[in-house]
Amino acid sequence: MSDTDQMLAVLYGIERVDGGFRCRDYRFATLAQALDYARRLNADVAPISAAQPRPVQPRPTPPAPSYSAIQPAAPAQARQTSASPVWYGAGSSVTVGGMCLESPMIYTGVAARAWEAPRYLVDPTLQTAPSGEDRDGVSLGYWPSYQGLTPVARHTYLQWLALGRPGDYGIGYVFMFFYGLEHRLLREMAPDGVEVIAEVDRLLALDGDNGSFRSYARRLISAISLIRNDPVAQPELSPDLRLGEYEIPFVVRRYLGVRLATGTEPARLSSLTLCV
């Protein structure tokens, strides 16, 4: 049997059985008949001799893509890369939302994640309305943040800063600004603390009629006084010594504590006690 016939026999499963040969599901008396049937099955295929495996021609390797080709395209409105907060204090200026802010006493920057942005951080990439006003802060929540303001409220806040932070604006704007002053004084222990404290005092004069803000501002001033270890002086007796407070004022507690710790009887103790 020739090599071609042997290949046909293997390809079509020709095998010897009792009384003859079988190819696929048919029985044949002789091998020649089985091979002839296999040739007919293979008639629509090139002859076996010509159907030898041809060498596979290697496909040309495509050139490696350039580095720029595999970089994901940046979204058209991609958020700016995060930038550490920058403090703009007295004597400095910064432009945000088309407004030039002189001595704004604010932090500007872009948080890596929106939900991590400090409430006081002015993000210059956020949208501001070109006009409009929410002077009373009606759209502000109980604990406002610049990130969460509406575009109109951001415009109003920047307007308030550009005007030098006057009175008669919603207390929410004042608190949002105040958070930045707290951070500057308590977390950074900044060298411009005198100017920042002076600004807190100025805001107290403008918005001290708001009991909540008055309480927070006075406590901040008291905390800074303690941190700086300011000299302890006897508080001036005044009808408004406890104004807006539900506990003994810090200045009084500190004065009494120091006098008692040193074994010195507080002067006019009875009068001071009656006052508090």
Protein backbone atom coordinates (compact mmCIF):
# COMPACT_ATOMS: atom_id res chain seq x y z
CA MET A 1 0.00 0.00 0.00
CA SER A 2 1.38 3.33 -1.05
CA ASP A 3 2.08 6.16 1.36
CA THR A 4 -0.96 8.01 0.01
CA ASP A 5 -3.24 5.05 0.66
CA GLN A 6 -1.81 4.66 4.13
CA MET A 7 -2.63 8.30 4.86
CA LEU A 8 -6.17 7.82 3.51
CA ALA A 9 -6.59 4.75 5.70
CA VAL A 10 -5.55 6.72 8.77
CA LEU A 11 -7.55 9.82 7.80
CA TYR A 12 -10.83 7.99 7.23
CA GLY A 13 -10.39 5.30 9.85
CA ILE A 14 -10.19 2.26 7.50
CA GLU A 15 -9.85 -0.84 9.61
CA ARG A 16 -9.98 -4.61 9.15
CA VAL A 17 -13.10 -6.34 10.41
CA ASP A 18 -14.41 -9.90 10.13
CA GLY A 19 -14.99 -10.66 6.50
CA GLY A 20 -13.51 -7.47 5.08
CA PHE A 21 -12.79 -3.81 5.79
CA ARG A 22 -14.79 -0.87 7.20
CA CYS A 23 -14.54 2.81 6.22
CA ARG A 24 -16.69 5.11 8.26
CA ASP A 25 -20.03 3.26 8.64
CA TYR A 26 -19.69 1.05 5.52
CA ARG A 27 -18.28 -2.44 5.13
CA PHE A 28 -16.26 -3.50 2.08
CA ALA A 29 -15.06 -6.90 0.95
CA THR A 30 -11.58 -5.70 -0.01
CA LEU A 31 -9.14 -3.02 1.04
CA ALA A 32 -9.17 -1.62 -2.48
CA GLN A 33 -12.92 -0.96 -2.25
CA ALA A 34 -12.53 0.78 1.10
CA LEU A 35 -9.69 2.92 -0.26
CA ASP A 36 -11.74 3.79 -3.35
CA TYR A 37 -14.57 4.98 -1.12
CA ALA A 38 -12.11 7.03 0.93
CA ARG A 39 -10.77 8.63 -2.26
CA ARG A 40 -14.32 9.65 -3.27
CA LEU A 41 -14.84 11.22 0.18
CA ASN A 42 -11.62 13.09 -0.33
CA ALA A 43 -12.48 14.10 -3.90
CA ASP A 44 -13.39 17.66 -2.95
CA VAL A 45 -10.06 18.04 -1.15
CA ALA A 46 -6.71 18.46 -2.86
CA PRO A 47 -4.94 15.17 -3.50
CA ILE A 48 -3.21 13.89 -0.44
CA SER A 49 0.16 14.22 -2.05
CA ALA A 50 -0.53 17.91 -2.65
CA ALA A 51 -2.14 18.37 0.72
CA GLN A 52 1.03 17.91 2.65
CA PRO A 53 1.25 20.47 5.41
CA ARG A 54 2.59 23.63 3.94
CA PRO A 55 5.08 25.61 5.91
CA VAL A 56 3.33 28.33 7.80
CA GLN A 57 4.48 31.69 6.67
CA PRO A 58 5.24 33.80 9.72
CA ARG A 59 3.08 36.88 9.95
CA PRO A 60 4.96 40.11 10.16
CA THR A 61 5.16 41.34 13.73
CA PRO A 62 3.35 44.69 14.01
CA PRO A 63 5.48 47.47 15.37
CA ALA A 64 5.13 48.06 19.09
CA PRO A 65 2.76 50.96 19.79
CA SER A 66 4.38 54.13 20.93
CA TYR A 67 4.02 55.17 24.58
CA SER A 68 1.58 57.92 23.67
CA ALA A 69 -0.57 55.48 21.74
CA ILE A 70 -1.32 53.37 24.81
CA GLN A 71 -2.15 56.22 27.14
CA PRO A 72 -5.83 56.64 28.00
CA ALA A 73 -7.28 59.80 26.57
CA ALA A 74 -7.93 62.43 29.21
CA PRO A 75 -11.58 63.41 29.59
CA ALA A 76 -12.39 66.79 28.13
CA GLN A 77 -13.54 68.07 31.50
CA ALA A 78 -11.07 66.18 33.68
CA ARG A 79 -10.69 67.42 37.25
CA GLN A 80 -7.46 69.32 37.84
CA THR A 81 -4.68 67.46 39.60
CA SER A 82 -4.81 67.91 43.35
CA ALA A 83 -2.86 70.82 44.77
CA SER A 84 -1.96 71.40 48.40
CA PRO A 85 -3.90 74.22 50.04
CA VAL A 86 -2.19 77.61 49.85
CA TRP A 87 -2.84 80.32 52.44
CA TYR A 88 -3.45 83.85 51.24
CA GLY A 89 -3.20 86.08 54.25
CA ALA A 90 -3.00 89.80 54.92
CA GLY A 91 -1.11 91.65 52.19
CA SER A 92 -1.53 88.92 49.56
CA SER A 93 -4.03 88.57 46.73
CA VAL A 94 -5.53 85.84 44.58
CA THR A 95 -8.06 85.78 41.75
CA VAL A 96 -10.88 83.23 41.93
CA GLY A 97 -13.99 83.17 39.77
CA GLY A 98 -12.90 86.32 38.02
CA MET A 99 -12.74 88.28 41.28
CA CYS A 100 -9.54 89.71 42.74
CA LEU A 101 -9.44 88.98 46.46
CA GLU A 102 -7.15 91.29 48.46
CA SER A 103 -5.91 90.07 51.85
CA PRO A 104 -8.58 87.35 51.73
CA MET A 105 -7.26 85.17 54.60
CA ILE A 106 -8.38 81.98 52.85
CA TYR A 107 -6.91 78.71 51.65
CA THR A 108 -7.18 77.82 47.97
CA GLY A 109 -6.39 74.49 46.38
CA VAL A 110 -7.80 71.31 44.85
CA ALA A 111 -8.45 68.23 46.98
CA ALA A 112 -7.43 64.84 45.56
CA ARG A 113 -10.91 63.56 46.40
CA ALA A 114 -13.88 65.88 46.54
CA TRP A 115 -15.20 64.39 49.78
CA GLU A 116 -11.87 65.07 51.50
CA ALA A 117 -11.90 68.81 50.77
CA PRO A 118 -11.86 70.92 53.97
CA ARG A 119 -14.98 73.01 54.33
CA TYR A 120 -13.03 76.24 54.17
CA LEU A 121 -10.98 75.32 51.07
CA VAL A 122 -11.74 77.55 48.06
CA ASP A 123 -11.35 75.35 45.00
CA PRO A 124 -10.73 77.62 41.97
CA THR A 125 -11.75 74.84 39.56
CA LEU A 126 -15.35 74.69 40.80
CA GLN A 127 -18.05 76.47 38.87
CA THR A 128 -19.19 79.92 39.97
CA ALA A 129 -22.18 81.77 38.59
CA PRO A 130 -21.37 84.90 36.56
CA SER A 131 -24.05 86.78 38.45
CA GLY A 132 -26.81 86.33 40.97
CA GLU A 133 -26.73 86.50 44.73
CA ASP A 134 -27.70 84.48 47.78
CA ARG A 135 -26.77 87.16 50.30
CA ASP A 136 -28.72 85.59 53.16
CA GLY A 137 -27.25 82.14 52.50
CA VAL A 138 -30.65 80.53 52.03
CA SER A 139 -29.14 77.68 49.99
CA LEU A 140 -26.44 76.91 52.57
CA GLY A 141 -26.71 73.91 54.86
CA TYR A 142 -26.21 73.90 58.62
CA TRP A 143 -22.50 73.08 58.24
CA PRO A 144 -21.56 74.67 54.91
CA SER A 145 -18.53 73.95 52.75
CA TYR A 146 -17.25 75.68 49.65
CA GLN A 147 -17.37 72.33 47.84
CA GLY A 148 -21.08 71.99 48.58
CA LEU A 149 -22.15 75.52 47.63
CA THR A 150 -24.29 76.21 44.59
CA PRO A 151 -22.58 78.23 41.83
CA VAL A 152 -24.61 81.28 42.89
CA ALA A 153 -23.63 80.83 46.54
CA ARG A 154 -19.96 80.50 45.53
CA HIS A 155 -20.28 83.75 43.58
CA THR A 156 -21.81 85.40 46.64
CA TYR A 157 -19.08 84.09 48.96
CA LEU A 158 -16.33 85.34 46.65
CA GLN A 159 -18.13 88.66 46.39
CA TRP A 160 -18.20 88.89 50.20
CA LEU A 161 -14.46 88.19 50.31
CA ALA A 162 -13.75 90.73 47.54
CA LEU A 163 -15.69 93.41 49.45
CA GLY A 164 -13.55 92.88 52.54
CA ARG A 165 -15.98 90.59 54.42
CA PRO A 166 -18.57 93.15 55.48
CA GLY A 167 -21.53 92.50 57.77
CA ASP A 168 -25.10 91.76 56.70
CA TYR A 169 -24.27 88.52 54.92
CA GLY A 170 -25.57 85.09 55.89
CA ILE A 171 -23.82 83.69 58.96
CA GLY A 172 -23.07 80.51 57.00
CA TYR A 173 -20.52 82.40 54.90
CA VAL A 174 -18.94 83.77 58.08
CA PHE A 175 -18.66 80.30 59.61
CA MET A 176 -17.14 78.82 56.44
CA PHE A 177 -14.51 81.56 56.49
CA PHE A 178 -14.03 81.11 60.25
CA TYR A 179 -13.17 77.40 59.79
CA GLY A 180 -10.11 78.45 57.82
CA LEU A 181 -9.03 80.87 60.56
CA GLU A 182 -9.38 78.07 63.13
CA HIS A 183 -7.16 75.82 61.02
CA ARG A 184 -4.59 78.55 60.58
CA LEU A 185 -4.38 79.23 64.32
CA LEU A 186 -4.79 75.78 65.86
CA ARG A 187 -3.31 73.39 63.30
CA GLU A 188 -0.58 75.46 61.71
CA MET A 189 0.33 77.77 64.60
CA ALA A 190 1.04 80.31 61.88
CA PRO A 191 3.35 83.29 62.37
CA ASP A 192 0.59 85.65 61.28
CA GLY A 193 -1.55 84.68 64.27
CA VAL A 194 -1.84 88.28 65.45
CA GLU A 195 -3.50 89.34 62.19
CA VAL A 196 -5.79 86.30 62.24
CA ILE A 197 -6.90 86.96 65.83
CA ALA A 198 -7.53 90.58 64.88
CA GLU A 199 -9.79 89.34 62.08
CA VAL A 200 -11.71 87.14 64.52
CA ASP A 201 -12.20 90.16 66.79
CA ARG A 202 -13.41 92.21 63.81
CA LEU A 203 -15.92 89.54 62.84
CA LEU A 204 -17.13 89.40 66.45
CA ALA A 205 -17.87 93.11 66.28
CA LEU A 206 -19.85 92.62 63.06
CA ASP A 207 -21.63 89.33 63.72
CA GLY A 208 -21.44 88.95 67.50
CA ASP A 209 -25.21 89.16 67.73
CA ASN A 210 -25.31 85.57 66.49
CA GLY A 211 -24.98 83.56 69.69
CA SER A 212 -23.48 80.49 68.03
CA PHE A 213 -20.77 82.41 66.21
CA ARG A 214 -20.04 84.53 69.27
CA SER A 215 -19.50 81.41 71.37
CA TYR A 216 -17.19 79.73 68.83
CA ALA A 217 -15.18 82.89 68.22
CA ARG A 218 -14.69 83.64 71.92
CA ARG A 219 -13.62 80.09 72.63
CA LEU A 220 -11.09 80.24 69.83
CA ILE A 221 -9.62 83.43 71.23
CA SER A 222 -9.48 81.90 74.71
CA ALA A 223 -7.79 78.75 73.38
CA ILE A 224 -5.13 80.80 71.61
CA SER A 225 -4.58 82.81 74.78
CA LEU A 226 -3.97 79.58 76.67
CA ILE A 227 -1.66 78.18 73.96
CA ARG A 228 0.40 81.37 73.96
CA ASN A 229 0.41 81.35 77.75
CA ASP A 230 -0.70 84.97 77.88
CA PRO A 231 -0.43 86.66 81.27
CA VAL A 232 -3.40 85.91 83.49
CA ALA A 233 -5.27 89.05 84.40
CA GLN A 234 -8.35 89.54 86.52
CA PRO A 235 -11.36 89.76 84.22
CA GLU A 236 -13.13 93.08 84.16
CA LEU A 237 -16.48 92.86 85.90
CA SER A 238 -19.13 93.50 83.29
CA PRO A 239 -22.83 92.71 82.86
CA ASP A 240 -22.04 91.02 79.54
CA LEU A 241 -19.27 88.80 80.90
CA ARG A 242 -21.46 85.73 80.38
CA LEU A 243 -23.25 87.00 77.31
CA GLY A 244 -24.10 84.01 75.15
CA GLU A 245 -22.35 81.55 77.48
CA TYR A 246 -23.92 78.67 79.41
CA GLU A 247 -20.92 78.05 81.64
CA ILE A 248 -18.35 80.11 83.49
CA PRO A 249 -16.34 82.03 80.86
CA PHE A 250 -12.92 80.62 80.14
CA VAL A 251 -11.08 83.79 81.16
CA VAL A 252 -12.74 83.63 84.58
CA ARG A 253 -12.05 79.93 85.05
CA ARG A 254 -8.42 80.41 84.11
CA TYR A 255 -8.03 83.35 86.46
CA LEU A 256 -9.62 81.52 89.39
CA GLY A 257 -7.67 78.35 88.65
CA VAL A 258 -4.30 80.10 88.60
CA ARG A 259 -5.06 82.04 91.81
CA LEU A 260 -6.21 78.92 93.64
CA ALA A 261 -3.25 76.85 92.34
CA THR A 262 -0.81 79.43 93.68
CA GLY A 263 -2.65 79.74 97.02
CA THR A 264 -3.54 83.35 96.36
CA GLU A 265 -7.05 84.40 97.26
CA PRO A 266 -8.71 85.99 94.25
CA ALA A 267 -9.36 89.66 94.72
CA ARG A 268 -13.00 90.59 95.01
CA LEU A 269 -13.81 86.86 94.84
CA SER A 270 -17.37 87.36 96.05
CA SER A 271 -18.12 89.99 93.43
CA LEU A 272 -16.60 87.86 90.64
CA THR A 273 -18.54 84.81 91.80
CA LEU A 274 -21.79 86.74 91.78
CA CYS A 275 -20.99 87.94 88.27
CA VAL A 276 -20.49 84.43 86.90
